[in-house]
């Protein structure tokens, strides 16, 4: 079995440099995929991409497929397939009348909102496992710092991708 996250002193980004922190965040984002898939998506009968889209729409509101792809870093074809499957299951629906528009924003339907509520306890379980080694103060500090980074990324997205609605 591999030693993921053990000794990284041989990496060019080792230490407490900004690039080292960035690599750690990228690694964390990748590693979270497995417990989210096994602990949330699979029990909910969703693909990982469908789960991400439901969470994205629940958090950001109505977005077009292209915008979801940009914001979430997902391949456009994967987003399109997942939106089609979620639409077929009645979990997402078009936001208003956008007939003839190239970008058609989608939103959670009542069924989609219910599905999100249904899997929130499973997300709490994954979060409990992930943050078990942190005190309440450390968890609160981490959340504040992560929200600051997210706000900066939101600013960056606005500067580099002004076509994507920001909330």
N, C-alpha and C. Protein backbone atom coordinates (compact mmCIF):
# COMPACT_ATOMS: atom_id res chain seq x y z
N UNK A 1 0.84 -1.17 0.00
CA UNK A 1 0.00 0.00 0.00
C UNK A 1 0.88 1.24 0.00
N UNK A 2 0.47 2.26 -0.72
CA UNK A 2 1.26 3.48 -0.84
C UNK A 2 1.27 4.29 0.44
N UNK A 3 2.15 5.24 0.44
CA UNK A 3 2.32 6.12 1.60
C UNK A 3 1.87 7.54 1.23
N UNK A 4 0.63 7.67 0.81
CA UNK A 4 0.12 8.97 0.40
C UNK A 4 0.23 9.95 1.55
N UNK A 5 0.88 11.08 1.26
CA UNK A 5 0.96 12.16 2.23
C UNK A 5 2.00 11.97 3.31
N UNK A 6 2.80 10.94 3.23
CA UNK A 6 3.79 10.69 4.29
C UNK A 6 5.00 11.61 4.10
N UNK A 7 6.05 11.15 3.50
CA UNK A 7 7.28 11.93 3.36
C UNK A 7 7.28 12.66 2.03
N UNK A 8 7.20 13.97 2.08
CA UNK A 8 7.22 14.77 0.85
C UNK A 8 8.47 15.64 0.76
N UNK A 9 9.47 15.36 1.58
CA UNK A 9 10.66 16.21 1.62
C UNK A 9 11.45 16.18 0.32
N UNK A 10 11.24 15.16 -0.50
CA UNK A 10 11.96 15.06 -1.77
C UNK A 10 11.30 15.85 -2.90
N UNK A 11 10.12 16.40 -2.67
CA UNK A 11 9.42 17.15 -3.71
C UNK A 11 10.00 18.56 -3.84
N UNK A 12 10.00 19.10 -5.03
CA UNK A 12 10.53 20.46 -5.22
C UNK A 12 9.70 21.52 -4.50
N UNK A 13 8.47 21.20 -4.13
CA UNK A 13 7.61 22.15 -3.45
C UNK A 13 7.50 21.87 -1.96
N UNK A 14 8.41 21.09 -1.42
CA UNK A 14 8.35 20.76 0.00
C UNK A 14 8.58 22.01 0.85
N UNK A 15 8.25 21.91 2.09
CA UNK A 15 8.39 23.05 2.98
C UNK A 15 7.09 23.83 3.03
N UNK A 16 7.16 24.99 3.62
CA UNK A 16 5.96 25.80 3.82
C UNK A 16 5.91 26.95 2.83
N UNK A 17 6.16 26.66 1.57
CA UNK A 17 6.12 27.68 0.52
C UNK A 17 4.68 27.81 0.00
N UNK A 18 4.37 28.93 -0.65
CA UNK A 18 3.04 29.06 -1.26
C UNK A 18 2.75 27.94 -2.26
N UNK A 19 3.75 27.55 -3.06
CA UNK A 19 3.50 26.46 -4.02
C UNK A 19 3.30 25.14 -3.29
N UNK A 20 3.98 24.94 -2.16
CA UNK A 20 3.77 23.73 -1.37
C UNK A 20 2.36 23.67 -0.82
N UNK A 21 1.84 24.80 -0.36
CA UNK A 21 0.46 24.87 0.13
C UNK A 21 -0.52 24.59 -1.00
N UNK A 22 -0.25 25.16 -2.17
CA UNK A 22 -1.13 24.92 -3.32
C UNK A 22 -1.15 23.44 -3.68
N UNK A 23 0.01 22.80 -3.72
CA UNK A 23 0.07 21.37 -4.02
C UNK A 23 -0.69 20.57 -2.96
N UNK A 24 -0.54 20.96 -1.69
CA UNK A 24 -1.28 20.28 -0.63
C UNK A 24 -2.79 20.41 -0.81
N UNK A 25 -3.25 21.61 -1.20
CA UNK A 25 -4.68 21.80 -1.44
C UNK A 25 -5.17 20.98 -2.62
N UNK A 26 -4.37 20.93 -3.68
CA UNK A 26 -4.74 20.11 -4.85
C UNK A 26 -4.81 18.64 -4.47
N UNK A 27 -3.85 18.20 -3.68
CA UNK A 27 -3.84 16.81 -3.23
C UNK A 27 -5.05 16.52 -2.36
N UNK A 28 -5.36 17.42 -1.44
CA UNK A 28 -6.53 17.25 -0.57
C UNK A 28 -7.81 17.16 -1.40
N UNK A 29 -7.95 18.05 -2.37
CA UNK A 29 -9.13 18.03 -3.23
C UNK A 29 -9.26 16.70 -3.96
N UNK A 30 -8.14 16.14 -4.41
CA UNK A 30 -8.17 14.85 -5.09
C UNK A 30 -8.51 13.72 -4.12
N UNK A 31 -7.91 13.75 -2.94
CA UNK A 31 -8.12 12.67 -1.98
C UNK A 31 -9.54 12.65 -1.42
N UNK A 32 -10.19 13.78 -1.35
CA UNK A 32 -11.57 13.84 -0.83
C UNK A 32 -12.54 13.11 -1.75
N UNK A 33 -12.17 12.96 -3.03
CA UNK A 33 -13.08 12.31 -3.98
C UNK A 33 -13.50 10.91 -3.55
N UNK A 34 -12.58 10.09 -3.05
CA UNK A 34 -12.93 8.71 -2.70
C UNK A 34 -13.95 8.63 -1.57
N UNK A 35 -13.72 9.28 -0.42
CA UNK A 35 -14.75 9.20 0.63
C UNK A 35 -16.07 9.86 0.23
N UNK A 36 -16.03 10.90 -0.59
CA UNK A 36 -17.28 11.51 -1.06
C UNK A 36 -18.04 10.56 -1.99
N UNK A 37 -17.31 9.84 -2.84
CA UNK A 37 -17.95 8.88 -3.73
C UNK A 37 -18.53 7.71 -2.92
N UNK A 38 -17.68 7.12 -2.05
CA UNK A 38 -18.10 5.94 -1.31
C UNK A 38 -19.11 6.26 -0.21
N UNK A 39 -18.97 7.43 0.43
CA UNK A 39 -19.82 7.75 1.56
C UNK A 39 -21.06 8.55 1.23
N UNK A 40 -21.07 9.21 0.06
CA UNK A 40 -22.21 10.07 -0.28
C UNK A 40 -22.81 9.70 -1.64
N UNK A 41 -22.01 9.77 -2.69
CA UNK A 41 -22.56 9.56 -4.05
C UNK A 41 -23.12 8.15 -4.22
N UNK A 42 -22.33 7.12 -3.90
CA UNK A 42 -22.80 5.74 -4.10
C UNK A 42 -24.08 5.45 -3.32
N UNK A 43 -24.13 5.75 -2.00
CA UNK A 43 -25.37 5.48 -1.27
C UNK A 43 -26.58 6.26 -1.81
N UNK A 44 -26.34 7.44 -2.40
CA UNK A 44 -27.42 8.26 -2.95
C UNK A 44 -27.81 7.82 -4.36
N UNK A 45 -27.06 6.87 -4.94
CA UNK A 45 -27.34 6.43 -6.30
C UNK A 45 -26.95 7.45 -7.34
N UNK A 46 -25.90 8.21 -7.05
CA UNK A 46 -25.43 9.26 -7.96
C UNK A 46 -24.01 8.99 -8.40
N UNK A 47 -23.67 9.47 -9.58
CA UNK A 47 -22.26 9.48 -9.98
C UNK A 47 -21.59 10.62 -9.23
N UNK A 48 -20.27 10.59 -9.17
CA UNK A 48 -19.53 11.67 -8.51
C UNK A 48 -19.82 13.01 -9.18
N UNK A 49 -19.91 13.01 -10.51
CA UNK A 49 -20.19 14.25 -11.24
C UNK A 49 -21.61 14.75 -10.94
N UNK A 50 -22.58 13.84 -10.89
CA UNK A 50 -23.94 14.25 -10.54
C UNK A 50 -23.99 14.86 -9.14
N UNK A 51 -23.27 14.23 -8.20
CA UNK A 51 -23.20 14.77 -6.85
C UNK A 51 -22.60 16.17 -6.86
N UNK A 52 -21.50 16.35 -7.57
CA UNK A 52 -20.86 17.66 -7.64
C UNK A 52 -21.80 18.72 -8.22
N UNK A 53 -22.55 18.34 -9.24
CA UNK A 53 -23.47 19.29 -9.87
C UNK A 53 -24.60 19.65 -8.91
N UNK A 54 -25.16 18.66 -8.22
CA UNK A 54 -26.21 18.96 -7.25
C UNK A 54 -25.69 19.90 -6.16
N UNK A 55 -24.48 19.63 -5.67
CA UNK A 55 -23.88 20.50 -4.65
C UNK A 55 -23.60 21.89 -5.22
N UNK A 56 -23.12 21.94 -6.45
CA UNK A 56 -22.84 23.23 -7.08
C UNK A 56 -24.09 24.06 -7.25
N UNK A 57 -25.16 23.46 -7.75
CA UNK A 57 -26.40 24.20 -7.94
C UNK A 57 -27.03 24.57 -6.59
N UNK A 58 -26.90 23.69 -5.59
CA UNK A 58 -27.43 24.01 -4.26
C UNK A 58 -26.69 25.19 -3.66
N UNK A 59 -25.40 25.26 -3.91
CA UNK A 59 -24.59 26.32 -3.31
C UNK A 59 -24.56 27.61 -4.10
N UNK A 60 -24.57 27.50 -5.42
CA UNK A 60 -24.39 28.68 -6.28
C UNK A 60 -25.68 29.16 -6.92
N UNK A 61 -26.69 28.33 -6.94
CA UNK A 61 -27.93 28.69 -7.62
C UNK A 61 -27.86 28.28 -9.08
N UNK A 62 -28.72 28.85 -9.87
CA UNK A 62 -28.86 28.52 -11.28
C UNK A 62 -27.58 28.81 -12.07
N UNK A 63 -27.14 27.81 -12.84
CA UNK A 63 -25.96 27.97 -13.70
C UNK A 63 -26.16 27.16 -14.98
N UNK A 64 -25.60 27.65 -16.07
CA UNK A 64 -25.58 26.90 -17.32
C UNK A 64 -24.49 25.83 -17.25
N UNK A 65 -24.62 24.81 -18.07
CA UNK A 65 -23.65 23.72 -18.08
C UNK A 65 -22.22 24.19 -18.28
N UNK A 66 -22.02 25.11 -19.20
CA UNK A 66 -20.67 25.63 -19.46
C UNK A 66 -20.10 26.29 -18.20
N UNK A 67 -20.95 27.03 -17.52
CA UNK A 67 -20.51 27.72 -16.30
C UNK A 67 -20.17 26.71 -15.19
N UNK A 68 -20.99 25.67 -15.06
CA UNK A 68 -20.69 24.61 -14.09
C UNK A 68 -19.35 23.98 -14.41
N UNK A 69 -19.10 23.74 -15.68
CA UNK A 69 -17.85 23.14 -16.11
C UNK A 69 -16.66 24.00 -15.70
N UNK A 70 -16.76 25.30 -15.95
CA UNK A 70 -15.67 26.23 -15.62
C UNK A 70 -15.47 26.33 -14.11
N UNK A 71 -16.55 26.55 -13.39
CA UNK A 71 -16.47 26.77 -11.95
C UNK A 71 -15.99 25.52 -11.21
N UNK A 72 -16.42 24.35 -11.67
CA UNK A 72 -16.12 23.12 -10.94
C UNK A 72 -14.93 22.36 -11.51
N UNK A 73 -14.39 22.83 -12.62
CA UNK A 73 -13.24 22.16 -13.21
C UNK A 73 -13.57 20.78 -13.76
N UNK A 74 -14.78 20.65 -14.30
CA UNK A 74 -15.22 19.37 -14.85
C UNK A 74 -15.25 19.46 -16.37
N UNK A 75 -15.03 18.35 -17.03
CA UNK A 75 -15.09 18.32 -18.49
C UNK A 75 -16.50 18.65 -18.96
N UNK A 76 -16.63 19.54 -19.97
CA UNK A 76 -17.97 19.93 -20.45
C UNK A 76 -18.86 18.74 -20.82
N UNK A 77 -18.29 17.72 -21.45
CA UNK A 77 -19.10 16.57 -21.84
C UNK A 77 -19.62 15.83 -20.60
N UNK A 78 -18.79 15.73 -19.55
CA UNK A 78 -19.23 15.07 -18.32
C UNK A 78 -20.37 15.85 -17.66
N UNK A 79 -20.26 17.17 -17.67
CA UNK A 79 -21.31 18.02 -17.10
C UNK A 79 -22.59 17.85 -17.91
N UNK A 80 -22.47 17.86 -19.23
CA UNK A 80 -23.64 17.72 -20.10
C UNK A 80 -24.35 16.39 -19.85
N UNK A 81 -23.58 15.31 -19.77
CA UNK A 81 -24.17 13.98 -19.50
C UNK A 81 -24.84 13.94 -18.14
N UNK A 82 -24.16 14.49 -17.14
CA UNK A 82 -24.71 14.47 -15.78
C UNK A 82 -25.99 15.32 -15.70
N UNK A 83 -25.98 16.48 -16.33
CA UNK A 83 -27.18 17.31 -16.34
C UNK A 83 -28.34 16.60 -17.03
N UNK A 84 -28.05 15.91 -18.12
CA UNK A 84 -29.10 15.16 -18.83
C UNK A 84 -29.66 14.07 -17.92
N UNK A 85 -28.79 13.34 -17.23
CA UNK A 85 -29.25 12.28 -16.33
C UNK A 85 -30.05 12.86 -15.17
N UNK A 86 -29.56 13.96 -14.59
CA UNK A 86 -30.28 14.58 -13.47
C UNK A 86 -31.62 15.15 -13.92
N UNK A 87 -31.66 15.68 -15.14
CA UNK A 87 -32.91 16.20 -15.69
C UNK A 87 -33.90 15.06 -15.91
N UNK A 88 -33.42 13.95 -16.44
CA UNK A 88 -34.26 12.78 -16.68
C UNK A 88 -34.83 12.24 -15.36
N UNK A 89 -34.04 12.36 -14.28
CA UNK A 89 -34.49 11.90 -12.96
C UNK A 89 -35.35 12.96 -12.25
N UNK A 90 -35.50 14.11 -12.88
CA UNK A 90 -36.33 15.17 -12.31
C UNK A 90 -35.66 15.98 -11.21
N UNK A 91 -34.33 15.90 -11.11
CA UNK A 91 -33.63 16.62 -10.04
C UNK A 91 -33.17 18.01 -10.42
N UNK A 92 -33.05 18.29 -11.72
CA UNK A 92 -32.72 19.64 -12.19
C UNK A 92 -33.73 20.01 -13.27
N UNK A 93 -33.89 21.31 -13.44
CA UNK A 93 -34.84 21.81 -14.43
C UNK A 93 -34.32 23.14 -14.97
N UNK A 94 -34.78 23.53 -16.15
CA UNK A 94 -34.36 24.83 -16.68
C UNK A 94 -34.84 25.93 -15.76
N UNK A 95 -34.03 26.97 -15.66
CA UNK A 95 -34.37 28.13 -14.84
C UNK A 95 -35.06 29.15 -15.73
N UNK A 96 -36.39 29.19 -15.68
CA UNK A 96 -37.14 30.17 -16.46
C UNK A 96 -37.23 29.78 -17.93
N UNK A 97 -37.64 30.73 -18.73
CA UNK A 97 -37.82 30.52 -20.16
C UNK A 97 -36.58 30.98 -20.91
N UNK A 98 -35.79 30.03 -21.33
CA UNK A 98 -34.56 30.35 -22.05
C UNK A 98 -34.56 29.65 -23.42
N UNK A 99 -35.72 29.49 -23.99
CA UNK A 99 -35.84 28.83 -25.29
C UNK A 99 -35.01 29.58 -26.32
N UNK A 100 -34.27 28.85 -27.08
CA UNK A 100 -33.48 29.43 -28.15
C UNK A 100 -32.15 29.99 -27.69
N UNK A 101 -31.92 30.09 -26.40
CA UNK A 101 -30.64 30.58 -25.91
C UNK A 101 -29.63 29.45 -25.93
N UNK A 102 -28.41 29.81 -26.23
CA UNK A 102 -27.35 28.81 -26.27
C UNK A 102 -27.03 28.29 -24.87
N UNK A 103 -26.92 29.20 -23.92
CA UNK A 103 -26.66 28.83 -22.54
C UNK A 103 -27.98 28.80 -21.78
N UNK A 104 -28.36 27.62 -21.37
CA UNK A 104 -29.61 27.47 -20.65
C UNK A 104 -29.32 27.16 -19.18
N UNK A 105 -29.51 28.14 -18.30
CA UNK A 105 -29.25 27.89 -16.89
C UNK A 105 -30.16 26.79 -16.34
N UNK A 106 -29.60 25.97 -15.48
CA UNK A 106 -30.34 24.90 -14.82
C UNK A 106 -30.37 25.20 -13.32
N UNK A 107 -31.39 24.71 -12.67
CA UNK A 107 -31.52 24.89 -11.23
C UNK A 107 -32.02 23.58 -10.63
N UNK A 108 -31.88 23.47 -9.33
CA UNK A 108 -32.43 22.31 -8.64
C UNK A 108 -33.94 22.36 -8.69
N UNK A 109 -34.56 21.23 -8.94
CA UNK A 109 -36.01 21.12 -8.83
C UNK A 109 -36.33 20.81 -7.37
N UNK A 110 -37.60 20.72 -7.06
CA UNK A 110 -38.01 20.34 -5.71
C UNK A 110 -37.42 18.98 -5.36
N UNK A 111 -37.44 18.06 -6.32
CA UNK A 111 -36.88 16.72 -6.11
C UNK A 111 -35.37 16.79 -5.87
N UNK A 112 -34.69 17.68 -6.59
CA UNK A 112 -33.25 17.85 -6.41
C UNK A 112 -32.91 18.41 -5.04
N UNK A 113 -33.71 19.39 -4.59
CA UNK A 113 -33.50 19.93 -3.24
C UNK A 113 -33.73 18.85 -2.18
N UNK A 114 -34.74 18.01 -2.40
CA UNK A 114 -35.01 16.91 -1.46
C UNK A 114 -33.85 15.92 -1.45
N UNK A 115 -33.28 15.65 -2.61
CA UNK A 115 -32.16 14.71 -2.71
C UNK A 115 -30.96 15.24 -1.93
N UNK A 116 -30.68 16.54 -2.08
CA UNK A 116 -29.57 17.15 -1.34
C UNK A 116 -29.81 17.01 0.16
N UNK A 117 -31.01 17.30 0.60
CA UNK A 117 -31.34 17.16 2.03
C UNK A 117 -31.18 15.72 2.50
N UNK A 118 -31.50 14.79 1.61
CA UNK A 118 -31.41 13.36 1.93
C UNK A 118 -29.96 12.91 2.17
N UNK A 119 -29.01 13.44 1.38
CA UNK A 119 -27.63 12.97 1.56
C UNK A 119 -26.78 13.86 2.47
N UNK A 120 -27.33 14.92 3.02
CA UNK A 120 -26.56 15.77 3.94
C UNK A 120 -26.05 15.00 5.17
N UNK A 121 -26.84 14.09 5.77
CA UNK A 121 -26.28 13.32 6.90
C UNK A 121 -25.06 12.48 6.49
N UNK A 122 -25.04 11.96 5.27
CA UNK A 122 -23.87 11.21 4.80
C UNK A 122 -22.67 12.14 4.64
N UNK A 123 -22.93 13.36 4.19
CA UNK A 123 -21.83 14.34 4.08
C UNK A 123 -21.29 14.68 5.48
N UNK A 124 -22.19 14.78 6.45
CA UNK A 124 -21.75 15.01 7.82
C UNK A 124 -20.84 13.88 8.30
N UNK A 125 -21.17 12.65 7.89
CA UNK A 125 -20.33 11.50 8.27
C UNK A 125 -18.94 11.59 7.65
N UNK A 126 -18.87 11.95 6.38
CA UNK A 126 -17.57 12.11 5.72
C UNK A 126 -16.79 13.25 6.38
N UNK A 127 -17.48 14.35 6.64
CA UNK A 127 -16.82 15.49 7.29
C UNK A 127 -16.30 15.10 8.68
N UNK A 128 -17.09 14.33 9.40
CA UNK A 128 -16.67 13.89 10.73
C UNK A 128 -15.39 13.07 10.67
N UNK A 129 -15.32 12.18 9.69
CA UNK A 129 -14.11 11.36 9.50
C UNK A 129 -12.93 12.25 9.10
N UNK A 130 -13.16 13.15 8.17
CA UNK A 130 -12.08 13.97 7.63
C UNK A 130 -11.51 14.93 8.67
N UNK A 131 -12.38 15.50 9.50
CA UNK A 131 -11.94 16.51 10.45
C UNK A 131 -11.80 15.99 11.88
N UNK A 132 -11.82 14.68 12.04
CA UNK A 132 -11.77 14.07 13.38
C UNK A 132 -10.52 14.49 14.16
N UNK A 133 -9.42 14.72 13.48
CA UNK A 133 -8.19 15.09 14.17
C UNK A 133 -8.06 16.56 14.50
N UNK A 134 -9.08 17.35 14.19
CA UNK A 134 -9.03 18.78 14.44
C UNK A 134 -9.93 19.15 15.62
N UNK A 135 -9.47 20.08 16.42
CA UNK A 135 -10.30 20.61 17.50
C UNK A 135 -11.37 21.52 16.87
N UNK A 136 -12.37 21.89 17.67
CA UNK A 136 -13.39 22.82 17.18
C UNK A 136 -12.76 24.13 16.73
N UNK A 137 -11.78 24.61 17.49
CA UNK A 137 -11.11 25.88 17.14
C UNK A 137 -10.32 25.73 15.84
N UNK A 138 -9.63 24.60 15.67
CA UNK A 138 -8.88 24.38 14.43
C UNK A 138 -9.82 24.27 13.24
N UNK A 139 -10.94 23.58 13.41
CA UNK A 139 -11.91 23.43 12.33
C UNK A 139 -12.48 24.80 11.95
N UNK A 140 -12.82 25.62 12.94
CA UNK A 140 -13.35 26.96 12.67
C UNK A 140 -12.31 27.82 11.96
N UNK A 141 -11.06 27.71 12.39
CA UNK A 141 -9.98 28.47 11.75
C UNK A 141 -9.79 28.03 10.31
N UNK A 142 -9.79 26.72 10.09
CA UNK A 142 -9.65 26.18 8.73
C UNK A 142 -10.80 26.69 7.86
N UNK A 143 -12.01 26.67 8.38
CA UNK A 143 -13.16 27.12 7.59
C UNK A 143 -13.03 28.60 7.22
N UNK A 144 -12.59 29.43 8.17
CA UNK A 144 -12.39 30.85 7.87
C UNK A 144 -11.35 31.03 6.78
N UNK A 145 -10.24 30.30 6.88
CA UNK A 145 -9.17 30.43 5.89
C UNK A 145 -9.61 29.94 4.52
N UNK A 146 -10.30 28.82 4.49
CA UNK A 146 -10.78 28.28 3.22
C UNK A 146 -11.76 29.26 2.57
N UNK A 147 -12.62 29.85 3.35
CA UNK A 147 -13.57 30.83 2.80
C UNK A 147 -12.85 32.05 2.24
N UNK A 148 -11.75 32.46 2.86
CA UNK A 148 -10.96 33.57 2.32
C UNK A 148 -10.37 33.20 0.96
N UNK A 149 -9.87 31.97 0.85
CA UNK A 149 -9.29 31.52 -0.43
C UNK A 149 -10.41 31.42 -1.48
N UNK A 150 -11.57 30.90 -1.09
CA UNK A 150 -12.69 30.81 -2.03
C UNK A 150 -13.10 32.21 -2.50
N UNK A 151 -13.14 33.18 -1.60
CA UNK A 151 -13.49 34.56 -1.99
C UNK A 151 -12.47 35.09 -2.99
N UNK A 152 -11.21 34.81 -2.77
CA UNK A 152 -10.17 35.25 -3.71
C UNK A 152 -10.36 34.58 -5.07
N UNK A 153 -10.69 33.29 -5.05
CA UNK A 153 -10.92 32.58 -6.30
C UNK A 153 -12.17 33.12 -7.01
N UNK A 154 -13.16 33.50 -6.25
CA UNK A 154 -14.35 34.10 -6.85
C UNK A 154 -13.99 35.42 -7.55
N UNK A 155 -13.14 36.20 -6.91
CA UNK A 155 -12.65 37.44 -7.54
C UNK A 155 -11.87 37.11 -8.81
N UNK A 156 -11.01 36.10 -8.73
CA UNK A 156 -10.21 35.71 -9.91
C UNK A 156 -11.13 35.27 -11.04
N UNK A 157 -12.16 34.46 -10.71
CA UNK A 157 -13.10 34.00 -11.75
C UNK A 157 -13.80 35.20 -12.38
N UNK A 158 -14.18 36.19 -11.55
CA UNK A 158 -14.83 37.38 -12.09
C UNK A 158 -13.93 38.16 -13.03
N UNK A 159 -12.65 38.21 -12.72
CA UNK A 159 -11.69 38.92 -13.56
C UNK A 159 -11.39 38.17 -14.86
N UNK A 160 -11.29 36.84 -14.78
CA UNK A 160 -10.88 36.03 -15.92
C UNK A 160 -12.03 35.39 -16.69
N UNK A 161 -13.19 35.29 -16.05
CA UNK A 161 -14.34 34.67 -16.69
C UNK A 161 -15.59 35.47 -16.33
N UNK A 162 -15.67 36.72 -16.81
CA UNK A 162 -16.80 37.59 -16.43
C UNK A 162 -18.14 37.08 -16.93
N UNK A 163 -18.16 36.16 -17.88
CA UNK A 163 -19.40 35.63 -18.41
C UNK A 163 -20.11 34.71 -17.44
N UNK A 164 -19.39 34.23 -16.42
CA UNK A 164 -19.97 33.31 -15.44
C UNK A 164 -20.61 34.13 -14.33
N UNK A 165 -21.89 33.90 -14.08
CA UNK A 165 -22.56 34.66 -13.01
C UNK A 165 -21.89 34.41 -11.66
N UNK A 166 -21.75 35.48 -10.88
CA UNK A 166 -21.15 35.36 -9.54
C UNK A 166 -22.20 35.66 -8.50
N UNK A 167 -22.11 34.94 -7.40
CA UNK A 167 -23.05 35.15 -6.29
C UNK A 167 -22.32 35.48 -5.05
